[in-house]
Amino acid sequence: MRPCTWFHSRPAAPAFRVRTVSLDGGPVASPYGLNIQPEGCIDQVERTDIVIVPTSGLDTDLKLVAHSRLLPWLRRHYEAGAYVAGVCMGAGYLAEAGLLDGREATTHWAIAPDFVRRWPKVHWRPELFVTEDSRVLCSGGLYASIDISLYLVEKLCGHEIALQCAKILLLPMPRANQSGYAMLPVSRPHDDERIRHVERYLQMNFQQNISTGTLADQAGLGLRTFVRHFKEATGRQPAAYLQALRIEAAKAMLESGPKPIQSISSEVGYDDVAFFRELFKRSTGMTPAEYRALFATWSVRGQAALETPAYQAG
């Protein structure tokens, strides 16, 4: 079917009938200033195939108390066979309802540490955009609601329908990994001045091949003692810390300019560009070129687009 045909086509019957409901049927003010008028209250929903819980404000404790009536309602519909999905912080309601115990789940990378502490029985996977485990789904981040929606369309209606939806809406198919979006510090806060000195040394010399023995000498510690202290202070092994520094430096170069990936690889300390690409993808979930396409400045992305074969052919 040509795109111009299915763009205007209408199915004989919609695949989904969507309703919005609130706890009491009254209007809801979103955390972003939008007022939403639902079509009814949760008690009016006798049966449903899918429940999608949206994200909420950052004050998790207050929200869980204010919306406590939602928890048994979620459990009832899940036990009746519905798919239950939580968008971003909406995963917290699923966790509080006990639906995520012993299951894989995700949420926004920035709030994942708090969720891990709060609900330790959940197998949190904050590196993923979408998780599904036994009809319970979660998505990481507010805009990952698009990913989880397309995921459900593909699951329930097939790949071709999901692909048509994505193309019509100018969207990518569901993304897999949110690691590349995270802005996590290389090291956690600590008060070990000897390790801070080593960190400063690494930040100034990360392009070099630095042995753990050299770092131990910088700290004035024996090798085993240094490795133990470094891991306790930073949360990483020295080699992993160096790798994280290099990946962060590469990200900055990819975001700010059109420098060839081979050159970036060499400048951050990897002469083998294939190894660098593999390492970068393992760390971020995307290739260096994919990362640049998403996060580079507008001028850099525009230049890359002009250099594609489609533009050259014109």
C-alpha atoms as a PDB file:
ATOM      1  CA  MET A   1       0.000   0.000   0.000  1.00  0.00           C
ATOM      2  CA  ARG A   2       1.427   3.352  -1.022  1.00  0.00           C
ATOM      3  CA  PRO A   3       1.927   5.928   1.794  1.00  0.00           C
ATOM      4  CA  CYS A   4      -0.515   8.391   0.217  1.00  0.00           C
ATOM      5  CA  THR A   5      -3.162   5.646   0.284  1.00  0.00           C
ATOM      6  CA  TRP A   6      -2.839   4.512   3.880  1.00  0.00           C
ATOM      7  CA  PHE A   7      -2.381   8.087   5.078  1.00  0.00           C
ATOM      8  CA  HIS A   8      -6.016   8.774   4.186  1.00  0.00           C
ATOM      9  CA  SER A   9      -7.459   5.311   4.774  1.00  0.00           C
ATOM     10  CA  ARG A  10      -9.797   4.501   7.666  1.00  0.00           C
ATOM     11  CA  PRO A  11     -10.076   1.063   9.297  1.00  0.00           C
ATOM     12  CA  ALA A  12     -13.479  -0.637   9.413  1.00  0.00           C
ATOM     13  CA  ALA A  13     -13.268  -0.525  13.202  1.00  0.00           C
ATOM     14  CA  PRO A  14     -10.699   1.205  15.443  1.00  0.00           C
ATOM     15  CA  ALA A  15      -8.197  -1.141  17.060  1.00  0.00           C
ATOM     16  CA  PHE A  16      -8.443   0.762  20.348  1.00  0.00           C
ATOM     17  CA  ARG A  17     -11.151   2.699  22.139  1.00  0.00           C
ATOM     18  CA  VAL A  18      -9.368   5.108  24.463  1.00  0.00           C
ATOM     19  CA  ARG A  19     -10.938   6.638  27.575  1.00  0.00           C
ATOM     20  CA  THR A  20      -9.382   8.952  30.138  1.00  0.00           C
ATOM     21  CA  VAL A  21     -10.515   8.571  33.738  1.00  0.00           C
ATOM     22  CA  SER A  22      -9.549  10.103  37.071  1.00  0.00           C
ATOM     23  CA  LEU A  23     -10.084   8.946  40.638  1.00  0.00           C
ATOM     24  CA  ASP A  24     -13.370  10.848  41.032  1.00  0.00           C
ATOM     25  CA  GLY A  25     -14.154  11.866  37.451  1.00  0.00           C
ATOM     26  CA  GLY A  26     -13.184  15.471  38.114  1.00  0.00           C
ATOM     27  CA  PRO A  27     -10.676  17.541  36.132  1.00  0.00           C
ATOM     28  CA  VAL A  28      -6.987  16.913  36.701  1.00  0.00           C
ATOM     29  CA  ALA A  29      -4.181  19.478  36.649  1.00  0.00           C
ATOM     30  CA  SER A  30      -1.061  17.914  35.176  1.00  0.00           C
ATOM     31  CA  PRO A  31       2.402  18.684  36.616  1.00  0.00           C
ATOM     32  CA  TYR A  32       2.992  20.778  33.492  1.00  0.00           C
ATOM     33  CA  GLY A  33       0.076  23.193  33.838  1.00  0.00           C
ATOM     34  CA  LEU A  34      -2.401  21.458  31.536  1.00  0.00           C
ATOM     35  CA  ASN A  35      -5.937  20.882  32.780  1.00  0.00           C
ATOM     36  CA  ILE A  36      -7.426  17.593  31.635  1.00  0.00           C
ATOM     37  CA  GLN A  37     -11.136  16.820  31.708  1.00  0.00           C
ATOM     38  CA  PRO A  38     -11.529  13.031  31.938  1.00  0.00           C
ATOM     39  CA  GLU A  39     -14.482  11.104  30.558  1.00  0.00           C
ATOM     40  CA  GLY A  40     -15.318   9.471  33.866  1.00  0.00           C
ATOM     41  CA  CYS A  41     -14.000   8.023  37.123  1.00  0.00           C
ATOM     42  CA  ILE A  42     -12.112   4.789  37.686  1.00  0.00           C
ATOM     43  CA  ASP A  43     -15.118   3.128  39.344  1.00  0.00           C
ATOM     44  CA  GLN A  44     -17.006   3.350  36.045  1.00  0.00           C
ATOM     45  CA  VAL A  45     -14.466   1.101  34.313  1.00  0.00           C
ATOM     46  CA  GLU A  46     -15.847  -2.413  34.630  1.00  0.00           C
ATOM     47  CA  ARG A  47     -13.389  -4.022  32.249  1.00  0.00           C
ATOM     48  CA  THR A  48     -10.404  -2.896  30.204  1.00  0.00           C
ATOM     49  CA  ASP A  49      -7.661  -4.516  28.151  1.00  0.00           C
ATOM     50  CA  ILE A  50      -4.979  -1.894  28.836  1.00  0.00           C
ATOM     51  CA  VAL A  51      -4.396   0.561  31.685  1.00  0.00           C
ATOM     52  CA  ILE A  52      -1.819   3.324  31.196  1.00  0.00           C
ATOM     53  CA  VAL A  53      -0.812   5.273  34.300  1.00  0.00           C
ATOM     54  CA  PRO A  54       0.729   8.649  33.355  1.00  0.00           C
ATOM     55  CA  THR A  55       3.612  10.312  35.117  1.00  0.00           C
ATOM     56  CA  SER A  56       3.009  12.555  38.115  1.00  0.00           C
ATOM     57  CA  GLY A  57       4.825  15.196  40.141  1.00  0.00           C
ATOM     58  CA  LEU A  58       8.181  14.687  41.802  1.00  0.00           C
ATOM     59  CA  ASP A  59       6.836  14.416  45.360  1.00  0.00           C
ATOM     60  CA  THR A  60       6.383  10.654  45.339  1.00  0.00           C
ATOM     61  CA  ASP A  61       5.218  10.319  48.959  1.00  0.00           C
ATOM     62  CA  LEU A  62       2.426  12.883  48.638  1.00  0.00           C
ATOM     63  CA  LYS A  63       1.279  11.522  45.284  1.00  0.00           C
ATOM     64  CA  LEU A  64       1.101   7.940  46.503  1.00  0.00           C
ATOM     65  CA  VAL A  65      -0.997   8.992  49.515  1.00  0.00           C
ATOM     66  CA  ALA A  66      -3.282  11.241  47.455  1.00  0.00           C
ATOM     67  CA  HIS A  67      -3.857   8.514  44.867  1.00  0.00           C
ATOM     68  CA  SER A  68      -3.930   5.480  47.167  1.00  0.00           C
ATOM     69  CA  ARG A  69      -7.366   4.457  45.806  1.00  0.00           C
ATOM     70  CA  LEU A  70      -5.666   3.745  42.502  1.00  0.00           C
ATOM     71  CA  LEU A  71      -3.566   0.859  43.857  1.00  0.00           C
ATOM     72  CA  PRO A  72      -6.272  -1.787  44.489  1.00  0.00           C
ATOM     73  CA  TRP A  73      -7.957  -0.729  41.228  1.00  0.00           C
ATOM     74  CA  LEU A  74      -4.737  -1.458  39.317  1.00  0.00           C
ATOM     75  CA  ARG A  75      -4.374  -4.837  41.005  1.00  0.00           C
ATOM     76  CA  ARG A  76      -8.003  -5.749  40.210  1.00  0.00           C
ATOM     77  CA  HIS A  77      -7.687  -4.996  36.497  1.00  0.00           C
ATOM     78  CA  TYR A  78      -4.332  -6.730  36.251  1.00  0.00           C
ATOM     79  CA  GLU A  79      -5.767  -9.848  37.889  1.00  0.00           C
ATOM     80  CA  ALA A  80      -8.658  -9.672  35.394  1.00  0.00           C
ATOM     81  CA  GLY A  81      -6.153  -9.934  32.523  1.00  0.00           C
ATOM     82  CA  ALA A  82      -5.376  -6.317  31.570  1.00  0.00           C
ATOM     83  CA  TYR A  83      -1.994  -5.042  30.501  1.00  0.00           C
ATOM     84  CA  VAL A  84      -0.887  -2.369  32.996  1.00  0.00           C
ATOM     85  CA  ALA A  85       1.668   0.257  31.940  1.00  0.00           C
ATOM     86  CA  GLY A  86       3.382   2.989  33.927  1.00  0.00           C
ATOM     87  CA  VAL A  87       4.873   6.013  32.157  1.00  0.00           C
ATOM     88  CA  CYS A  88       8.006   7.501  33.735  1.00  0.00           C
ATOM     89  CA  MET A  89       7.171   8.086  37.429  1.00  0.00           C
ATOM     90  CA  GLY A  90       3.880   6.278  36.868  1.00  0.00           C
ATOM     91  CA  ALA A  91       5.923   3.115  37.398  1.00  0.00           C
ATOM     92  CA  GLY A  92       5.928   4.058  41.093  1.00  0.00           C
ATOM     93  CA  TYR A  93       2.191   3.353  41.343  1.00  0.00           C
ATOM     94  CA  LEU A  94       2.727  -0.074  39.797  1.00  0.00           C
ATOM     95  CA  ALA A  95       5.545  -0.758  42.259  1.00  0.00           C
ATOM     96  CA  GLU A  96       3.506   0.442  45.255  1.00  0.00           C
ATOM     97  CA  ALA A  97       0.620  -1.782  44.120  1.00  0.00           C
ATOM     98  CA  GLY A  98       2.995  -4.765  44.232  1.00  0.00           C
ATOM     99  CA  LEU A  99       2.689  -5.443  40.497  1.00  0.00           C
ATOM    100  CA  LEU A 100       6.443  -5.074  39.924  1.00  0.00           C
ATOM    101  CA  ASP A 101       7.746  -7.287  42.723  1.00  0.00           C
ATOM    102  CA  GLY A 102      10.198  -9.777  41.220  1.00  0.00           C
ATOM    103  CA  ARG A 103       9.726  -8.278  37.747  1.00  0.00           C
ATOM    104  CA  GLU A 104      11.788  -6.118  35.404  1.00  0.00           C
ATOM    105  CA  ALA A 105      10.813  -2.452  35.221  1.00  0.00           C
ATOM    106  CA  THR A 106      12.196   0.899  34.144  1.00  0.00           C
ATOM    107  CA  THR A 107      11.690   4.584  34.859  1.00  0.00           C
ATOM    108  CA  HIS A 108      13.485   7.860  34.158  1.00  0.00           C
ATOM    109  CA  TRP A 109      17.224   7.458  34.780  1.00  0.00           C
ATOM    110  CA  ALA A 110      17.304  10.493  37.115  1.00  0.00           C
ATOM    111  CA  ILE A 111      14.779   9.070  39.589  1.00  0.00           C
ATOM    112  CA  ALA A 112      15.884   5.442  39.273  1.00  0.00           C
ATOM    113  CA  PRO A 113      18.197   5.521  42.355  1.00  0.00           C
ATOM    114  CA  ASP A 114      15.289   6.655  44.546  1.00  0.00           C
ATOM    115  CA  PHE A 115      13.017   3.966  43.106  1.00  0.00           C
ATOM    116  CA  VAL A 116      15.692   1.305  43.643  1.00  0.00           C
ATOM    117  CA  ARG A 117      15.879   2.237  47.346  1.00  0.00           C
ATOM    118  CA  ARG A 118      12.125   2.525  47.736  1.00  0.00           C
ATOM    119  CA  TRP A 119      11.160  -0.710  45.970  1.00  0.00           C
ATOM    120  CA  PRO A 120      14.109  -3.109  46.277  1.00  0.00           C
ATOM    121  CA  LYS A 121      12.092  -6.176  45.222  1.00  0.00           C
ATOM    122  CA  VAL A 122      11.811  -4.779  41.681  1.00  0.00           C
ATOM    123  CA  HIS A 123      14.464  -5.619  39.071  1.00  0.00           C
ATOM    124  CA  TRP A 124      14.989  -2.036  37.902  1.00  0.00           C
ATOM    125  CA  ARG A 125      16.477  -1.593  34.401  1.00  0.00           C
ATOM    126  CA  PRO A 126      16.817   2.210  34.038  1.00  0.00           C
ATOM    127  CA  GLU A 127      19.021   1.780  30.969  1.00  0.00           C
ATOM    128  CA  LEU A 128      15.939   0.649  29.011  1.00  0.00           C
ATOM    129  CA  PHE A 129      13.179   2.803  27.526  1.00  0.00           C
ATOM    130  CA  VAL A 130      10.505   0.106  27.698  1.00  0.00           C
ATOM    131  CA  THR A 131      10.149  -3.058  29.772  1.00  0.00           C
ATOM    132  CA  GLU A 132       7.467  -5.729  29.720  1.00  0.00           C
ATOM    133  CA  ASP A 133       7.221  -8.528  32.242  1.00  0.00           C
ATOM    134  CA  SER A 134       4.062 -10.622  32.628  1.00  0.00           C
ATOM    135  CA  ARG A 135       1.679  -7.963  31.193  1.00  0.00           C
ATOM    136  CA  VAL A 136       3.238  -5.193  33.285  1.00  0.00           C
ATOM    137  CA  LEU A 137       4.977  -2.501  31.233  1.00  0.00           C
ATOM    138  CA  CYS A 138       7.039   0.566  32.141  1.00  0.00           C
ATOM    139  CA  SER A 139       8.675   3.343  30.176  1.00  0.00           C
ATOM    140  CA  GLY A 140      11.577   5.601  31.079  1.00  0.00           C
ATOM    141  CA  GLY A 141      10.792   9.304  30.786  1.00  0.00           C
ATOM    142  CA  LEU A 142       7.739  11.371  29.914  1.00  0.00           C
ATOM    143  CA  TYR A 143       8.291  11.216  26.155  1.00  0.00           C
ATOM    144  CA  ALA A 144       8.872   7.476  26.412  1.00  0.00           C
ATOM    145  CA  SER A 145       5.062   7.361  26.557  1.00  0.00           C
ATOM    146  CA  ILE A 146       5.397   7.491  22.760  1.00  0.00           C
ATOM    147  CA  ASP A 147       7.725   4.484  22.846  1.00  0.00           C
ATOM    148  CA  ILE A 148       5.405   2.445  25.053  1.00  0.00           C
ATOM    149  CA  SER A 149       2.377   3.401  22.930  1.00  0.00           C
ATOM    150  CA  LEU A 150       4.056   2.287  19.704  1.00  0.00           C
ATOM    151  CA  TYR A 151       5.322  -0.806  21.512  1.00  0.00           C
ATOM    152  CA  LEU A 152       1.747  -1.744  22.413  1.00  0.00           C
ATOM    153  CA  VAL A 153       0.524  -1.011  18.877  1.00  0.00           C
ATOM    154  CA  GLU A 154       3.223  -3.271  17.453  1.00  0.00           C
ATOM    155  CA  LYS A 155       2.518  -5.995  20.014  1.00  0.00           C
ATOM    156  CA  LEU A 156      -1.262  -5.998  19.577  1.00  0.00           C
ATOM    157  CA  CYS A 157      -1.696  -4.872  15.951  1.00  0.00           C
ATOM    158  CA  GLY A 158       1.522  -6.003  14.269  1.00  0.00           C
ATOM    159  CA  HIS A 159       4.735  -4.429  13.030  1.00  0.00           C
ATOM    160  CA  GLU A 160       3.307  -2.990   9.808  1.00  0.00           C
ATOM    161  CA  ILE A 161       0.587  -1.008  11.593  1.00  0.00           C
ATOM    162  CA  ALA A 162       3.098   0.301  14.143  1.00  0.00           C
ATOM    163  CA  LEU A 163       5.464   1.290  11.332  1.00  0.00           C
ATOM    164  CA  GLN A 164       2.687   3.160   9.534  1.00  0.00           C
ATOM    165  CA  CYS A 165       1.807   5.005  12.767  1.00  0.00           C
ATOM    166  CA  ALA A 166       5.447   5.967  13.302  1.00  0.00           C
ATOM    167  CA  LYS A 167       5.844   7.250   9.740  1.00  0.00           C
ATOM    168  CA  ILE A 168       2.612   9.215   9.766  1.00  0.00           C
ATOM    169  CA  LEU A 169       3.536  10.872  13.064  1.00  0.00           C
ATOM    170  CA  LEU A 170       7.183  11.407  12.019  1.00  0.00           C
ATOM    171  CA  LEU A 171       8.389   9.304  14.928  1.00  0.00           C
ATOM    172  CA  PRO A 172      11.064   6.636  15.298  1.00  0.00           C
ATOM    173  CA  MET A 173      10.023   3.121  16.184  1.00  0.00           C
ATOM    174  CA  PRO A 174      10.231   2.390  19.934  1.00  0.00           C
ATOM    175  CA  ARG A 175      13.688   3.160  21.298  1.00  0.00           C
ATOM    176  CA  ALA A 176      15.464   0.512  23.322  1.00  0.00           C
ATOM    177  CA  ASN A 177      18.085   2.210  25.479  1.00  0.00           C
ATOM    178  CA  GLN A 178      18.081   5.467  27.485  1.00  0.00           C
ATOM    179  CA  SER A 179      21.692   5.212  28.703  1.00  0.00           C
ATOM    180  CA  GLY A 180      22.850   7.714  26.088  1.00  0.00           C
ATOM    181  CA  TYR A 181      20.425  10.320  27.466  1.00  0.00           C
ATOM    182  CA  ALA A 182      21.631  10.077  31.054  1.00  0.00           C
ATOM    183  CA  MET A 183      23.705  12.892  32.555  1.00  0.00           C
ATOM    184  CA  LEU A 184      25.131  10.947  35.447  1.00  0.00           C
ATOM    185  CA  PRO A 185      28.337  12.058  37.198  1.00  0.00           C
ATOM    186  CA  VAL A 186      31.418   9.941  36.596  1.00  0.00           C
ATOM    187  CA  SER A 187      32.001   9.807  40.353  1.00  0.00           C
ATOM    188  CA  ARG A 188      29.765  10.077  43.389  1.00  0.00           C
ATOM    189  CA  PRO A 189      30.541  12.674  46.105  1.00  0.00           C
ATOM    190  CA  HIS A 190      33.206  11.665  48.646  1.00  0.00           C
ATOM    191  CA  ASP A 191      35.764  13.191  51.058  1.00  0.00           C
ATOM    192  CA  ASP A 192      38.865  11.108  50.281  1.00  0.00           C
ATOM    193  CA  GLU A 193      41.408  13.753  49.296  1.00  0.00           C
ATOM    194  CA  ARG A 194      43.912  11.201  48.012  1.00  0.00           C
ATOM    195  CA  ILE A 195      41.340   9.838  45.578  1.00  0.00           C
ATOM    196  CA  ARG A 196      40.269  13.355  44.606  1.00  0.00           C
ATOM    197  CA  HIS A 197      43.885  14.040  43.635  1.00  0.00           C
ATOM    198  CA  VAL A 198      43.869  10.925  41.441  1.00  0.00           C
ATOM    199  CA  GLU A 199      40.584  11.984  39.861  1.00  0.00           C
ATOM    200  CA  ARG A 200      42.050  15.383  38.946  1.00  0.00           C
ATOM    201  CA  TYR A 201      45.084  13.618  37.478  1.00  0.00           C
ATOM    202  CA  LEU A 202      42.835  11.355  35.387  1.00  0.00           C
ATOM    203  CA  GLN A 203      40.706  14.261  34.186  1.00  0.00           C
ATOM    204  CA  MET A 204      43.825  16.004  32.879  1.00  0.00           C
ATOM    205  CA  ASN A 205      45.427  12.899  31.349  1.00  0.00           C
ATOM    206  CA  PHE A 206      42.557  10.603  30.349  1.00  0.00           C
ATOM    207  CA  GLN A 207      43.832  10.413  26.752  1.00  0.00           C
ATOM    208  CA  GLN A 208      46.971   8.605  27.939  1.00  0.00           C
ATOM    209  CA  ASN A 209      47.401   4.925  28.714  1.00  0.00           C
ATOM    210  CA  ILE A 210      47.609   5.108  32.496  1.00  0.00           C
ATOM    211  CA  SER A 211      48.302   2.013  34.562  1.00  0.00           C
ATOM    212  CA  THR A 212      46.616   1.348  37.887  1.00  0.00           C
ATOM    213  CA  GLY A 213      50.100   1.284  39.412  1.00  0.00           C
ATOM    214  CA  THR A 214      50.704   4.857  38.248  1.00  0.00           C
ATOM    215  CA  LEU A 215      47.451   5.946  39.864  1.00  0.00           C
ATOM    216  CA  ALA A 216      48.349   4.165  43.093  1.00  0.00           C
ATOM    217  CA  ASP A 217      51.645   6.073  43.113  1.00  0.00           C
ATOM    218  CA  GLN A 218      49.732   9.341  42.619  1.00  0.00           C
ATOM    219  CA  ALA A 219      47.663   8.499  45.709  1.00  0.00           C
ATOM    220  CA  GLY A 220      50.696   7.328  47.719  1.00  0.00           C
ATOM    221  CA  LEU A 221      49.039   3.960  48.355  1.00  0.00           C
ATOM    222  CA  GLY A 222      49.824   0.339  47.683  1.00  0.00           C
ATOM    223  CA  LEU A 223      48.112  -1.157  44.639  1.00  0.00           C
ATOM    224  CA  ARG A 224      45.465  -3.250  46.449  1.00  0.00           C
ATOM    225  CA  THR A 225      44.781  -0.546  49.023  1.00  0.00           C
ATOM    226  CA  PHE A 226      44.413   2.060  46.281  1.00  0.00           C
ATOM    227  CA  VAL A 227      41.945  -0.033  44.239  1.00  0.00           C
ATOM    228  CA  ARG A 228      39.821  -0.650  47.340  1.00  0.00           C
ATOM    229  CA  HIS A 229      39.822   3.026  48.345  1.00  0.00           C
ATOM    230  CA  PHE A 230      39.120   4.185  44.784  1.00  0.00           C
ATOM    231  CA  LYS A 231      36.108   1.878  44.410  1.00  0.00           C
ATOM    232  CA  GLU A 232      34.741   2.859  47.837  1.00  0.00           C
ATOM    233  CA  ALA A 233      35.092   6.586  47.049  1.00  0.00           C
ATOM    234  CA  THR A 234      33.961   6.777  43.420  1.00  0.00           C
ATOM    235  CA  GLY A 235      31.789   3.695  42.992  1.00  0.00           C
ATOM    236  CA  ARG A 236      33.935   2.537  40.053  1.00  0.00           C
ATOM    237  CA  GLN A 237      37.082   0.543  39.405  1.00  0.00           C
ATOM    238  CA  PRO A 238      39.948   2.760  38.094  1.00  0.00           C
ATOM    239  CA  ALA A 239      39.733   1.316  34.567  1.00  0.00           C
ATOM    240  CA  ALA A 240      35.962   1.827  34.434  1.00  0.00           C
ATOM    241  CA  TYR A 241      36.391   5.400  35.705  1.00  0.00           C
ATOM    242  CA  LEU A 242      38.914   6.141  32.934  1.00  0.00           C
ATOM    243  CA  GLN A 243      36.588   4.637  30.351  1.00  0.00           C
ATOM    244  CA  ALA A 244      33.673   6.763  31.618  1.00  0.00           C
ATOM    245  CA  LEU A 245      35.794   9.919  31.362  1.00  0.00           C
ATOM    246  CA  ARG A 246      36.691   9.080  27.771  1.00  0.00           C
ATOM    247  CA  ILE A 247      33.099   8.386  26.786  1.00  0.00           C
ATOM    248  CA  GLU A 248      31.946  11.675  28.347  1.00  0.00           C
ATOM    249  CA  ALA A 249      34.673  13.543  26.456  1.00  0.00           C
ATOM    250  CA  ALA A 250      33.617  11.834  23.227  1.00  0.00           C
ATOM    251  CA  LYS A 251      29.987  12.805  23.843  1.00  0.00           C
ATOM    252  CA  ALA A 252      30.986  16.456  24.225  1.00  0.00           C
ATOM    253  CA  MET A 253      32.945  16.376  20.945  1.00  0.00           C
ATOM    254  CA  LEU A 254      30.073  14.694  19.094  1.00  0.00           C
ATOM    255  CA  GLU A 255      27.606  17.277  20.420  1.00  0.00           C
ATOM    256  CA  SER A 256      29.659  20.348  19.558  1.00  0.00           C
ATOM    257  CA  GLY A 257      31.270  19.801  16.167  1.00  0.00           C
ATOM    258  CA  PRO A 258      31.578  17.799  12.946  1.00  0.00           C
ATOM    259  CA  LYS A 259      34.979  16.257  13.768  1.00  0.00           C
ATOM    260  CA  PRO A 260      35.323  12.762  12.211  1.00  0.00           C
ATOM    261  CA  ILE A 261      34.643   9.884  14.576  1.00  0.00           C
ATOM    262  CA  GLN A 262      38.088   8.440  13.832  1.00  0.00           C
ATOM    263  CA  SER A 263      39.663  11.662  15.126  1.00  0.00           C
ATOM    264  CA  ILE A 264      37.446  11.719  18.225  1.00  0.00           C
ATOM    265  CA  SER A 265      38.372   8.119  18.952  1.00  0.00           C
ATOM    266  CA  SER A 266      42.093   8.960  18.841  1.00  0.00           C
ATOM    267  CA  GLU A 267      41.720  12.136  20.876  1.00  0.00           C
ATOM    268  CA  VAL A 268      39.996  10.372  23.764  1.00  0.00           C
ATOM    269  CA  GLY A 269      42.581   7.592  23.842  1.00  0.00           C
ATOM    270  CA  TYR A 270      41.388   4.837  21.502  1.00  0.00           C
ATOM    271  CA  ASP A 271      43.454   4.283  18.348  1.00  0.00           C
ATOM    272  CA  ASP A 272      41.192   1.397  17.314  1.00  0.00           C
ATOM    273  CA  VAL A 273      38.045   3.144  16.096  1.00  0.00           C
ATOM    274  CA  ALA A 274      36.091  -0.121  15.831  1.00  0.00           C
ATOM    275  CA  PHE A 275      36.793  -0.820  19.506  1.00  0.00           C
ATOM    276  CA  PHE A 276      35.772   2.754  20.378  1.00  0.00           C
ATOM    277  CA  ARG A 277      32.466   2.385  18.502  1.00  0.00           C
ATOM    278  CA  GLU A 278      31.731  -0.888  20.286  1.00  0.00           C
ATOM    279  CA  LEU A 279      32.601   0.608  23.672  1.00  0.00           C
ATOM    280  CA  PHE A 280      30.552   3.743  23.005  1.00  0.00           C
ATOM    281  CA  LYS A 281      27.506   1.713  21.988  1.00  0.00           C
ATOM    282  CA  ARG A 282      27.847  -0.552  25.021  1.00  0.00           C
ATOM    283  CA  SER A 283      27.928   2.536  27.258  1.00  0.00           C
ATOM    284  CA  THR A 284      25.199   4.641  25.617  1.00  0.00           C
ATOM    285  CA  GLY A 285      23.057   2.188  23.681  1.00  0.00           C
ATOM    286  CA  MET A 286      23.788   3.932  20.374  1.00  0.00           C
ATOM    287  CA  THR A 287      26.656   4.364  17.936  1.00  0.00           C
ATOM    288  CA  PRO A 288      28.678   7.609  17.898  1.00  0.00           C
ATOM    289  CA  ALA A 289      26.946   8.596  14.646  1.00  0.00           C
ATOM    290  CA  GLU A 290      23.508   7.945  16.136  1.00  0.00           C
ATOM    291  CA  TYR A 291      24.440   9.951  19.236  1.00  0.00           C
ATOM    292  CA  ARG A 292      25.580  12.884  17.088  1.00  0.00           C
ATOM    293  CA  ALA A 293      22.356  12.749  15.057  1.00  0.00           C
ATOM    294  CA  LEU A 294      20.333  13.097  18.271  1.00  0.00           C
ATOM    295  CA  PHE A 295      22.353  15.524  20.353  1.00  0.00           C
ATOM    296  CA  ALA A 296      24.659  17.612  18.153  1.00  0.00           C
ATOM    297  CA  THR A 297      24.051  21.321  17.653  1.00  0.00           C
ATOM    298  CA  TRP A 298      21.547  22.243  14.971  1.00  0.00           C
ATOM    299  CA  SER A 299      24.256  23.333  12.529  1.00  0.00           C
ATOM    300  CA  VAL A 300      26.189  20.068  12.925  1.00  0.00           C
ATOM    301  CA  ARG A 301      23.059  17.949  12.410  1.00  0.00           C
ATOM    302  CA  GLY A 302      22.089  20.071   9.413  1.00  0.00           C
ATOM    303  CA  GLN A 303      25.496  19.593   7.846  1.00  0.00           C
ATOM    304  CA  ALA A 304      25.290  15.836   8.371  1.00  0.00           C
ATOM    305  CA  ALA A 305      21.860  15.776   6.689  1.00  0.00           C
ATOM    306  CA  LEU A 306      23.157  17.717   3.677  1.00  0.00           C
ATOM    307  CA  GLU A 307      25.937  15.176   3.232  1.00  0.00           C
ATOM    308  CA  THR A 308      23.573  12.179   2.969  1.00  0.00           C
ATOM    309  CA  PRO A 309      23.144  10.546  -0.464  1.00  0.00           C
ATOM    310  CA  ALA A 310      19.531  11.737  -0.702  1.00  0.00           C
ATOM    311  CA  TYR A 311      20.636  15.382  -0.596  1.00  0.00           C
ATOM    312  CA  GLN A 312      23.644  14.807  -2.843  1.00  0.00           C
ATOM    313  CA  ALA A 313      21.406  13.237  -5.480  1.00  0.00           C
ATOM    314  CA  GLY A 314      19.346  16.420  -5.558  1.00  0.00           C
END
